[in-house]
């Protein structure tokens, strides 16, 4: 992607993400992810319906009127985006590649975090950690994140979720909201997922195209595996081959769902051919 095309794409994603954040997502994000506690803000006169436990008896005694304490949520949190940029993220049929959708989803989440005064960081990964951008605030920082998700070229092509989660544990010592965007076709990562889900607010976003599940009957076809970087001939006319393909796909999907459910991590599934905001908002509403 040349520089001009990249900048145009980033701008398009920014406009769409800001609209999503402003009109649909920002409030749901705030409701779903709470701050670290409540801090004292001010006192004001008691109003009907106020909790009597909030009465400031010292001020009430001095002024001979009933005053209550007002508290505000300590809001500042950290949003970490772990984005799979392996070879399989360049898959897509009708609308967009997985990687392009990942950039859009991350942008919507990031602008929602920015609206709530939260920091945003990103870890791009493939077979291992590829590129880490520490959490910061600011629009220019978010635009950099979008550009890197779209354009960064990984050294490896496979997917290893375990390596990405382990790296996160080393660099992010404090509490954080963590979204992992991937197709989750990865070696086993149950042990580290258990630790990460306990330490952070963890949500997996599985990006998929329905055409990945079924192998069409079109005879002998030479296929390219973007993660193995290799070609192989496949006899799609074989019923057994097609059944094995479907079975393998469904097994890895069930594995992802069961693991996240077992360790209390959230999960969202996004079809790259369909609008994604409804799914995100629905998840946040259920969670809040």
C-alpha atoms as a PDB file:
ATOM      1  CA  UNK A   1       0.000   0.000   0.000  1.00  0.00           C
ATOM      2  CA  UNK A   2       1.562   3.323  -1.040  1.00  0.00           C
ATOM      3  CA  UNK A   3       1.661   6.276   1.354  1.00  0.00           C
ATOM      4  CA  UNK A   4      -1.196   8.183  -0.273  1.00  0.00           C
ATOM      5  CA  UNK A   5      -3.507   5.168  -0.267  1.00  0.00           C
ATOM      6  CA  UNK A   6      -2.561   4.362   3.327  1.00  0.00           C
ATOM      7  CA  UNK A   7      -3.301   7.898   4.549  1.00  0.00           C
ATOM      8  CA  UNK A   8      -6.634   7.874   2.720  1.00  0.00           C
ATOM      9  CA  UNK A   9      -7.539   4.536   4.313  1.00  0.00           C
ATOM     10  CA  UNK A  10      -6.528   5.763   7.776  1.00  0.00           C
ATOM     11  CA  UNK A  11      -8.678   8.872   7.321  1.00  0.00           C
ATOM     12  CA  UNK A  12     -11.676   6.793   6.233  1.00  0.00           C
ATOM     13  CA  UNK A  13     -11.309   4.527   9.252  1.00  0.00           C
ATOM     14  CA  UNK A  14     -10.904   7.528  11.569  1.00  0.00           C
ATOM     15  CA  UNK A  15     -14.130   9.144  10.350  1.00  0.00           C
ATOM     16  CA  UNK A  16     -16.091   5.906  10.666  1.00  0.00           C
ATOM     17  CA  UNK A  17     -14.604   5.054  14.068  1.00  0.00           C
ATOM     18  CA  UNK A  18     -15.301   8.505  15.513  1.00  0.00           C
ATOM     19  CA  UNK A  19     -18.891   8.302  14.318  1.00  0.00           C
ATOM     20  CA  UNK A  20     -19.274   4.862  15.873  1.00  0.00           C
ATOM     21  CA  UNK A  21     -17.728   6.043  19.119  1.00  0.00           C
ATOM     22  CA  UNK A  22     -19.716   9.275  19.368  1.00  0.00           C
ATOM     23  CA  UNK A  23     -23.104   7.859  18.441  1.00  0.00           C
ATOM     24  CA  UNK A  24     -23.091   4.270  19.641  1.00  0.00           C
ATOM     25  CA  UNK A  25     -20.126   2.936  21.560  1.00  0.00           C
ATOM     26  CA  UNK A  26     -18.606   5.479  23.933  1.00  0.00           C
ATOM     27  CA  UNK A  27     -21.359   5.337  26.571  1.00  0.00           C
ATOM     28  CA  UNK A  28     -21.549   1.545  26.435  1.00  0.00           C
ATOM     29  CA  UNK A  29     -17.766   1.317  26.788  1.00  0.00           C
ATOM     30  CA  UNK A  30     -17.877   3.561  29.865  1.00  0.00           C
ATOM     31  CA  UNK A  31     -20.683   1.535  31.455  1.00  0.00           C
ATOM     32  CA  UNK A  32     -18.961  -1.788  30.799  1.00  0.00           C
ATOM     33  CA  UNK A  33     -15.494  -0.944  32.059  1.00  0.00           C
ATOM     34  CA  UNK A  34     -15.451   0.691  35.455  1.00  0.00           C
ATOM     35  CA  UNK A  35     -12.676   2.784  36.948  1.00  0.00           C
ATOM     36  CA  UNK A  36     -10.496   1.837  39.881  1.00  0.00           C
ATOM     37  CA  UNK A  37     -12.822   3.208  42.542  1.00  0.00           C
ATOM     38  CA  UNK A  38     -14.524   6.358  43.754  1.00  0.00           C
ATOM     39  CA  UNK A  39     -12.811   9.538  44.859  1.00  0.00           C
ATOM     40  CA  UNK A  40     -14.259  12.482  46.819  1.00  0.00           C
ATOM     41  CA  UNK A  41     -15.306  15.437  44.657  1.00  0.00           C
ATOM     42  CA  UNK A  42     -17.378  17.943  46.696  1.00  0.00           C
ATOM     43  CA  UNK A  43     -20.239  18.428  49.129  1.00  0.00           C
ATOM     44  CA  UNK A  44     -23.683  19.746  48.219  1.00  0.00           C
ATOM     45  CA  UNK A  45     -27.035  20.263  49.884  1.00  0.00           C
ATOM     46  CA  UNK A  46     -29.063  17.146  50.563  1.00  0.00           C
ATOM     47  CA  UNK A  47     -31.796  16.446  48.008  1.00  0.00           C
ATOM     48  CA  UNK A  48     -34.778  14.166  48.308  1.00  0.00           C
ATOM     49  CA  UNK A  49     -33.742  10.637  47.358  1.00  0.00           C
ATOM     50  CA  UNK A  50     -30.053  11.006  48.327  1.00  0.00           C
ATOM     51  CA  UNK A  51     -28.498   8.111  50.228  1.00  0.00           C
ATOM     52  CA  UNK A  52     -28.408   9.046  53.919  1.00  0.00           C
ATOM     53  CA  UNK A  53     -25.079   7.186  54.166  1.00  0.00           C
ATOM     54  CA  UNK A  54     -23.546   9.966  52.065  1.00  0.00           C
ATOM     55  CA  UNK A  55     -24.376  12.710  54.592  1.00  0.00           C
ATOM     56  CA  UNK A  56     -21.310  14.675  55.698  1.00  0.00           C
ATOM     57  CA  UNK A  57     -22.073  15.086  59.372  1.00  0.00           C
ATOM     58  CA  UNK A  58     -19.202  17.483  60.072  1.00  0.00           C
ATOM     59  CA  UNK A  59     -20.290  19.989  57.400  1.00  0.00           C
ATOM     60  CA  UNK A  60     -23.948  19.497  58.350  1.00  0.00           C
ATOM     61  CA  UNK A  61     -23.169  20.359  61.992  1.00  0.00           C
ATOM     62  CA  UNK A  62     -21.155  23.473  61.068  1.00  0.00           C
ATOM     63  CA  UNK A  63     -23.653  24.948  58.586  1.00  0.00           C
ATOM     64  CA  UNK A  64     -26.832  23.732  60.283  1.00  0.00           C
ATOM     65  CA  UNK A  65     -28.063  22.320  56.971  1.00  0.00           C
ATOM     66  CA  UNK A  66     -27.842  18.787  55.642  1.00  0.00           C
ATOM     67  CA  UNK A  67     -24.979  18.238  53.183  1.00  0.00           C
ATOM     68  CA  UNK A  68     -23.928  15.080  51.361  1.00  0.00           C
ATOM     69  CA  UNK A  69     -20.578  13.994  49.941  1.00  0.00           C
ATOM     70  CA  UNK A  70     -20.302  13.621  46.170  1.00  0.00           C
ATOM     71  CA  UNK A  71     -17.906  11.056  44.738  1.00  0.00           C
ATOM     72  CA  UNK A  72     -16.588  10.619  41.212  1.00  0.00           C
ATOM     73  CA  UNK A  73     -15.297   7.496  39.550  1.00  0.00           C
ATOM     74  CA  UNK A  74     -11.518   7.308  39.123  1.00  0.00           C
ATOM     75  CA  UNK A  75     -11.875   6.769  35.431  1.00  0.00           C
ATOM     76  CA  UNK A  76      -8.427   6.475  33.875  1.00  0.00           C
ATOM     77  CA  UNK A  77      -7.899   2.961  32.581  1.00  0.00           C
ATOM     78  CA  UNK A  78      -5.636   1.333  30.023  1.00  0.00           C
ATOM     79  CA  UNK A  79      -6.973  -0.312  26.875  1.00  0.00           C
ATOM     80  CA  UNK A  80      -4.614  -2.853  25.284  1.00  0.00           C
ATOM     81  CA  UNK A  81      -5.273  -4.116  21.770  1.00  0.00           C
ATOM     82  CA  UNK A  82      -3.562  -7.389  20.801  1.00  0.00           C
ATOM     83  CA  UNK A  83      -3.903  -7.691  17.035  1.00  0.00           C
ATOM     84  CA  UNK A  84      -3.111 -10.788  14.977  1.00  0.00           C
ATOM     85  CA  UNK A  85      -1.252  -9.711  11.798  1.00  0.00           C
ATOM     86  CA  UNK A  86      -0.319 -13.234  10.650  1.00  0.00           C
ATOM     87  CA  UNK A  87      -0.742 -14.469   7.096  1.00  0.00           C
ATOM     88  CA  UNK A  88      -4.343 -15.587   7.584  1.00  0.00           C
ATOM     89  CA  UNK A  89      -5.476 -12.019   8.360  1.00  0.00           C
ATOM     90  CA  UNK A  90      -5.055 -11.208   4.674  1.00  0.00           C
ATOM     91  CA  UNK A  91      -7.980 -13.506   3.927  1.00  0.00           C
ATOM     92  CA  UNK A  92     -11.270 -12.004   2.773  1.00  0.00           C
ATOM     93  CA  UNK A  93     -13.841 -12.430   0.029  1.00  0.00           C
ATOM     94  CA  UNK A  94     -16.577  -9.862  -0.541  1.00  0.00           C
ATOM     95  CA  UNK A  95     -16.025  -6.783   1.609  1.00  0.00           C
ATOM     96  CA  UNK A  96     -12.672  -6.587   3.364  1.00  0.00           C
ATOM     97  CA  UNK A  97      -9.711  -8.518   4.711  1.00  0.00           C
ATOM     98  CA  UNK A  98      -9.650  -9.572   8.356  1.00  0.00           C
ATOM     99  CA  UNK A  99      -6.803  -7.158   8.984  1.00  0.00           C
ATOM    100  CA  UNK A 100      -8.780  -4.199   7.644  1.00  0.00           C
ATOM    101  CA  UNK A 101     -11.728  -5.083   9.866  1.00  0.00           C
ATOM    102  CA  UNK A 102      -9.345  -5.415  12.823  1.00  0.00           C
ATOM    103  CA  UNK A 103      -8.116  -1.864  12.156  1.00  0.00           C
ATOM    104  CA  UNK A 104     -11.692  -0.535  12.091  1.00  0.00           C
ATOM    105  CA  UNK A 105     -12.736  -2.338  15.269  1.00  0.00           C
ATOM    106  CA  UNK A 106      -9.580  -1.210  17.083  1.00  0.00           C
ATOM    107  CA  UNK A 107     -10.166   2.374  15.955  1.00  0.00           C
ATOM    108  CA  UNK A 108     -13.752   2.349  17.278  1.00  0.00           C
ATOM    109  CA  UNK A 109     -12.616   0.941  20.624  1.00  0.00           C
ATOM    110  CA  UNK A 110      -9.656   3.344  20.794  1.00  0.00           C
ATOM    111  CA  UNK A 111     -11.733   6.462  20.145  1.00  0.00           C
ATOM    112  CA  UNK A 112     -14.230   5.299  22.782  1.00  0.00           C
ATOM    113  CA  UNK A 113     -11.334   4.921  25.220  1.00  0.00           C
ATOM    114  CA  UNK A 114     -10.034   8.375  24.294  1.00  0.00           C
ATOM    115  CA  UNK A 115     -13.487   9.890  24.919  1.00  0.00           C
ATOM    116  CA  UNK A 116     -13.335   8.379  28.414  1.00  0.00           C
ATOM    117  CA  UNK A 117      -9.798   9.679  29.063  1.00  0.00           C
ATOM    118  CA  UNK A 118      -8.241   6.202  28.932  1.00  0.00           C
ATOM    119  CA  UNK A 119      -4.832   5.269  27.537  1.00  0.00           C
ATOM    120  CA  UNK A 120      -4.517   2.960  24.526  1.00  0.00           C
ATOM    121  CA  UNK A 121      -1.657   0.623  23.618  1.00  0.00           C
ATOM    122  CA  UNK A 122      -1.232  -2.062  20.972  1.00  0.00           C
ATOM    123  CA  UNK A 123       0.692  -5.285  20.468  1.00  0.00           C
ATOM    124  CA  UNK A 124       0.873  -6.662  16.934  1.00  0.00           C
ATOM    125  CA  UNK A 125       1.680 -10.364  16.855  1.00  0.00           C
ATOM    126  CA  UNK A 126       2.098 -13.344  14.531  1.00  0.00           C
ATOM    127  CA  UNK A 127       4.206 -16.358  15.578  1.00  0.00           C
ATOM    128  CA  UNK A 128       5.525 -14.060  18.301  1.00  0.00           C
ATOM    129  CA  UNK A 129       5.315 -10.395  19.354  1.00  0.00           C
ATOM    130  CA  UNK A 130       6.094  -8.225  16.334  1.00  0.00           C
ATOM    131  CA  UNK A 131       5.514  -4.615  17.350  1.00  0.00           C
ATOM    132  CA  UNK A 132       4.597  -3.034  20.691  1.00  0.00           C
ATOM    133  CA  UNK A 133       3.285   0.520  21.112  1.00  0.00           C
ATOM    134  CA  UNK A 134       3.056   1.511  24.805  1.00  0.00           C
ATOM    135  CA  UNK A 135      -0.236   2.961  26.105  1.00  0.00           C
ATOM    136  CA  UNK A 136      -0.694   6.694  25.602  1.00  0.00           C
ATOM    137  CA  UNK A 137      -3.450   9.240  25.016  1.00  0.00           C
ATOM    138  CA  UNK A 138      -4.090  11.582  22.123  1.00  0.00           C
ATOM    139  CA  UNK A 139      -5.534  11.542  18.630  1.00  0.00           C
ATOM    140  CA  UNK A 140      -2.138  11.414  16.885  1.00  0.00           C
ATOM    141  CA  UNK A 141      -1.265   8.333  18.939  1.00  0.00           C
ATOM    142  CA  UNK A 142      -4.496   6.606  17.866  1.00  0.00           C
ATOM    143  CA  UNK A 143      -3.899   7.435  14.199  1.00  0.00           C
ATOM    144  CA  UNK A 144      -0.446   5.894  14.489  1.00  0.00           C
ATOM    145  CA  UNK A 145      -2.016   2.720  15.879  1.00  0.00           C
ATOM    146  CA  UNK A 146      -4.420   2.503  12.919  1.00  0.00           C
ATOM    147  CA  UNK A 147      -1.561   2.983  10.440  1.00  0.00           C
ATOM    148  CA  UNK A 148       0.554   0.288  12.075  1.00  0.00           C
ATOM    149  CA  UNK A 149      -2.290  -2.247  12.129  1.00  0.00           C
ATOM    150  CA  UNK A 150      -2.896  -1.683   8.416  1.00  0.00           C
ATOM    151  CA  UNK A 151       0.692  -1.478   7.242  1.00  0.00           C
ATOM    152  CA  UNK A 152       3.133  -3.223   9.568  1.00  0.00           C
ATOM    153  CA  UNK A 153       4.907  -6.126   7.874  1.00  0.00           C
ATOM    154  CA  UNK A 154       5.546  -9.067  10.247  1.00  0.00           C
ATOM    155  CA  UNK A 155       8.720 -11.164  10.157  1.00  0.00           C
ATOM    156  CA  UNK A 156       6.698 -14.380  10.613  1.00  0.00           C
ATOM    157  CA  UNK A 157       3.449 -15.642   9.121  1.00  0.00           C
ATOM    158  CA  UNK A 158       2.000 -18.071  11.681  1.00  0.00           C
ATOM    159  CA  UNK A 159      -0.228 -17.347  14.683  1.00  0.00           C
ATOM    160  CA  UNK A 160       0.734 -17.857  18.329  1.00  0.00           C
ATOM    161  CA  UNK A 161      -1.758 -16.368  20.789  1.00  0.00           C
ATOM    162  CA  UNK A 162       0.161 -17.814  23.750  1.00  0.00           C
ATOM    163  CA  UNK A 163       3.319 -15.857  22.887  1.00  0.00           C
ATOM    164  CA  UNK A 164       1.319 -12.626  22.588  1.00  0.00           C
ATOM    165  CA  UNK A 165      -0.420 -13.095  25.952  1.00  0.00           C
ATOM    166  CA  UNK A 166       2.861 -13.988  27.673  1.00  0.00           C
ATOM    167  CA  UNK A 167       4.472 -10.832  26.285  1.00  0.00           C
ATOM    168  CA  UNK A 168       1.542  -8.768  27.567  1.00  0.00           C
ATOM    169  CA  UNK A 169       2.083 -10.096  31.094  1.00  0.00           C
ATOM    170  CA  UNK A 170       5.664  -8.800  30.972  1.00  0.00           C
ATOM    171  CA  UNK A 171       4.951  -5.299  29.669  1.00  0.00           C
ATOM    172  CA  UNK A 172       1.579  -4.462  31.246  1.00  0.00           C
ATOM    173  CA  UNK A 173       1.950  -4.704  35.004  1.00  0.00           C
ATOM    174  CA  UNK A 174      -1.195  -2.786  35.982  1.00  0.00           C
ATOM    175  CA  UNK A 175      -4.842  -3.600  35.475  1.00  0.00           C
ATOM    176  CA  UNK A 176      -6.020  -3.192  31.877  1.00  0.00           C
ATOM    177  CA  UNK A 177      -8.848  -3.886  29.462  1.00  0.00           C
ATOM    178  CA  UNK A 178      -7.481  -6.299  26.868  1.00  0.00           C
ATOM    179  CA  UNK A 179      -9.002  -7.118  23.487  1.00  0.00           C
ATOM    180  CA  UNK A 180      -7.410  -9.870  21.399  1.00  0.00           C
ATOM    181  CA  UNK A 181      -8.376  -9.721  17.712  1.00  0.00           C
ATOM    182  CA  UNK A 182      -7.556 -12.910  15.822  1.00  0.00           C
ATOM    183  CA  UNK A 183      -9.020 -15.936  14.071  1.00  0.00           C
ATOM    184  CA  UNK A 184      -7.530 -17.934  17.005  1.00  0.00           C
ATOM    185  CA  UNK A 185      -6.124 -20.694  14.796  1.00  0.00           C
ATOM    186  CA  UNK A 186      -3.197 -21.146  17.138  1.00  0.00           C
ATOM    187  CA  UNK A 187      -1.274 -23.713  19.202  1.00  0.00           C
ATOM    188  CA  UNK A 188      -2.692 -24.314  22.678  1.00  0.00           C
ATOM    189  CA  UNK A 189      -2.679 -21.250  24.927  1.00  0.00           C
ATOM    190  CA  UNK A 190      -4.906 -22.394  27.812  1.00  0.00           C
ATOM    191  CA  UNK A 191      -2.296 -22.054  30.577  1.00  0.00           C
ATOM    192  CA  UNK A 192      -1.415 -18.433  29.864  1.00  0.00           C
ATOM    193  CA  UNK A 193      -5.035 -17.501  29.057  1.00  0.00           C
ATOM    194  CA  UNK A 194      -5.988 -18.570  32.573  1.00  0.00           C
ATOM    195  CA  UNK A 195      -3.443 -16.144  34.076  1.00  0.00           C
ATOM    196  CA  UNK A 196      -4.275 -13.251  31.746  1.00  0.00           C
ATOM    197  CA  UNK A 197      -8.043 -13.581  32.262  1.00  0.00           C
ATOM    198  CA  UNK A 198      -7.510 -13.423  36.020  1.00  0.00           C
ATOM    199  CA  UNK A 199      -5.258 -10.349  35.878  1.00  0.00           C
ATOM    200  CA  UNK A 200      -7.015  -8.260  33.217  1.00  0.00           C
ATOM    201  CA  UNK A 201     -10.463  -7.638  31.778  1.00  0.00           C
ATOM    202  CA  UNK A 202     -10.014  -9.921  28.754  1.00  0.00           C
ATOM    203  CA  UNK A 203     -12.167 -10.124  25.629  1.00  0.00           C
ATOM    204  CA  UNK A 204     -11.460 -12.238  22.534  1.00  0.00           C
ATOM    205  CA  UNK A 205     -12.772 -10.964  19.193  1.00  0.00           C
ATOM    206  CA  UNK A 206     -12.783 -13.752  16.621  1.00  0.00           C
ATOM    207  CA  UNK A 207     -12.687 -12.457  13.050  1.00  0.00           C
ATOM    208  CA  UNK A 208     -13.944 -14.887  10.432  1.00  0.00           C
ATOM    209  CA  UNK A 209     -15.334 -15.245   6.923  1.00  0.00           C
ATOM    210  CA  UNK A 210     -18.075 -17.912   6.528  1.00  0.00           C
ATOM    211  CA  UNK A 211     -16.411 -19.159   3.346  1.00  0.00           C
ATOM    212  CA  UNK A 212     -13.592 -20.500   5.546  1.00  0.00           C
ATOM    213  CA  UNK A 213     -15.882 -23.161   6.991  1.00  0.00           C
ATOM    214  CA  UNK A 214     -16.924 -24.941   3.797  1.00  0.00           C
ATOM    215  CA  UNK A 215     -14.706 -26.327   1.059  1.00  0.00           C
ATOM    216  CA  UNK A 216     -16.522 -26.141  -2.313  1.00  0.00           C
ATOM    217  CA  UNK A 217     -16.524 -29.133  -4.648  1.00  0.00           C
ATOM    218  CA  UNK A 218     -14.443 -27.817  -7.552  1.00  0.00           C
ATOM    219  CA  UNK A 219     -12.087 -30.730  -8.188  1.00  0.00           C
ATOM    220  CA  UNK A 220      -8.293 -30.603  -7.821  1.00  0.00           C
ATOM    221  CA  UNK A 221      -7.232 -27.137  -6.659  1.00  0.00           C
ATOM    222  CA  UNK A 222      -3.843 -25.710  -5.790  1.00  0.00           C
ATOM    223  CA  UNK A 223      -4.205 -23.817  -2.515  1.00  0.00           C
ATOM    224  CA  UNK A 224      -1.885 -21.432  -0.758  1.00  0.00           C
ATOM    225  CA  UNK A 225      -1.449 -21.449   3.020  1.00  0.00           C
ATOM    226  CA  UNK A 226      -0.486 -17.869   3.998  1.00  0.00           C
ATOM    227  CA  UNK A 227       0.780 -18.956   7.416  1.00  0.00           C
ATOM    228  CA  UNK A 228       2.935 -21.842   6.183  1.00  0.00           C
ATOM    229  CA  UNK A 229       3.788 -19.898   3.016  1.00  0.00           C
ATOM    230  CA  UNK A 230       3.369 -23.016   0.954  1.00  0.00           C
ATOM    231  CA  UNK A 231       1.221 -24.380  -1.898  1.00  0.00           C
ATOM    232  CA  UNK A 232      -0.500 -27.734  -1.860  1.00  0.00           C
ATOM    233  CA  UNK A 233      -2.897 -29.606  -4.140  1.00  0.00           C
ATOM    234  CA  UNK A 234      -6.298 -30.430  -2.604  1.00  0.00           C
ATOM    235  CA  UNK A 235      -8.898 -32.789  -4.060  1.00  0.00           C
ATOM    236  CA  UNK A 236     -12.085 -30.903  -3.208  1.00  0.00           C
ATOM    237  CA  UNK A 237     -14.149 -33.507  -5.071  1.00  0.00           C
ATOM    238  CA  UNK A 238     -13.455 -35.923  -2.208  1.00  0.00           C
ATOM    239  CA  UNK A 239     -16.305 -36.013   0.303  1.00  0.00           C
ATOM    240  CA  UNK A 240     -13.889 -37.129   3.031  1.00  0.00           C
ATOM    241  CA  UNK A 241     -11.564 -34.211   2.357  1.00  0.00           C
ATOM    242  CA  UNK A 242     -14.454 -31.749   2.591  1.00  0.00           C
ATOM    243  CA  UNK A 243     -15.726 -33.363   5.807  1.00  0.00           C
ATOM    244  CA  UNK A 244     -12.248 -33.262   7.364  1.00  0.00           C
ATOM    245  CA  UNK A 245     -11.914 -29.610   6.449  1.00  0.00           C
ATOM    246  CA  UNK A 246     -15.238 -28.716   8.093  1.00  0.00           C
ATOM    247  CA  UNK A 247     -14.437 -30.845  11.142  1.00  0.00           C
ATOM    248  CA  UNK A 248     -11.037 -29.169  11.634  1.00  0.00           C
ATOM    249  CA  UNK A 249     -12.542 -25.683  11.348  1.00  0.00           C
ATOM    250  CA  UNK A 250     -15.379 -26.358  13.778  1.00  0.00           C
ATOM    251  CA  UNK A 251     -13.022 -27.976  16.293  1.00  0.00           C
ATOM    252  CA  UNK A 252     -10.810 -24.897  16.524  1.00  0.00           C
ATOM    253  CA  UNK A 253     -13.877 -22.622  16.844  1.00  0.00           C
ATOM    254  CA  UNK A 254     -15.265 -24.740  19.700  1.00  0.00           C
ATOM    255  CA  UNK A 255     -11.865 -24.794  21.363  1.00  0.00           C
ATOM    256  CA  UNK A 256     -11.750 -20.985  21.319  1.00  0.00           C
ATOM    257  CA  UNK A 257     -15.286 -20.675  22.723  1.00  0.00           C
ATOM    258  CA  UNK A 258     -14.784 -23.271  25.460  1.00  0.00           C
ATOM    259  CA  UNK A 259     -11.442 -21.855  26.612  1.00  0.00           C
ATOM    260  CA  UNK A 260     -12.754 -18.328  26.960  1.00  0.00           C
ATOM    261  CA  UNK A 261     -15.893 -19.493  28.723  1.00  0.00           C
ATOM    262  CA  UNK A 262     -13.902 -21.711  31.103  1.00  0.00           C
ATOM    263  CA  UNK A 263     -11.634 -18.893  32.288  1.00  0.00           C
ATOM    264  CA  UNK A 264     -14.220 -16.100  32.340  1.00  0.00           C
ATOM    265  CA  UNK A 265     -12.940 -14.185  29.315  1.00  0.00           C
ATOM    266  CA  UNK A 266     -15.413 -12.391  27.088  1.00  0.00           C
ATOM    267  CA  UNK A 267     -15.899 -13.428  23.482  1.00  0.00           C
ATOM    268  CA  UNK A 268     -17.273 -11.674  20.425  1.00  0.00           C
ATOM    269  CA  UNK A 269     -17.547 -13.211  16.953  1.00  0.00           C
ATOM    270  CA  UNK A 270     -17.441 -10.886  13.947  1.00  0.00           C
ATOM    271  CA  UNK A 271     -18.278 -11.935  10.402  1.00  0.00           C
ATOM    272  CA  UNK A 272     -16.031  -9.740   8.243  1.00  0.00           C
ATOM    273  CA  UNK A 273     -18.813  -9.413   5.657  1.00  0.00           C
ATOM    274  CA  UNK A 274     -21.321  -7.875   8.086  1.00  0.00           C
ATOM    275  CA  UNK A 275     -21.511  -4.596  10.103  1.00  0.00           C
ATOM    276  CA  UNK A 276     -19.753  -5.102  13.409  1.00  0.00           C
ATOM    277  CA  UNK A 277     -21.055  -2.285  15.634  1.00  0.00           C
ATOM    278  CA  UNK A 278     -24.271  -4.073  16.594  1.00  0.00           C
ATOM    279  CA  UNK A 279     -22.268  -7.025  17.911  1.00  0.00           C
ATOM    280  CA  UNK A 280     -19.943  -4.775  19.965  1.00  0.00           C
ATOM    281  CA  UNK A 281     -22.773  -2.729  21.469  1.00  0.00           C
ATOM    282  CA  UNK A 282     -24.740  -5.898  22.219  1.00  0.00           C
ATOM    283  CA  UNK A 283     -21.764  -7.373  24.079  1.00  0.00           C
ATOM    284  CA  UNK A 284     -21.241  -4.204  26.155  1.00  0.00           C
ATOM    285  CA  UNK A 285     -24.928  -3.976  27.045  1.00  0.00           C
ATOM    286  CA  UNK A 286     -24.982  -7.567  28.286  1.00  0.00           C
ATOM    287  CA  UNK A 287     -21.787  -6.973  30.241  1.00  0.00           C
ATOM    288  CA  UNK A 288     -22.774  -3.696  31.926  1.00  0.00           C
END
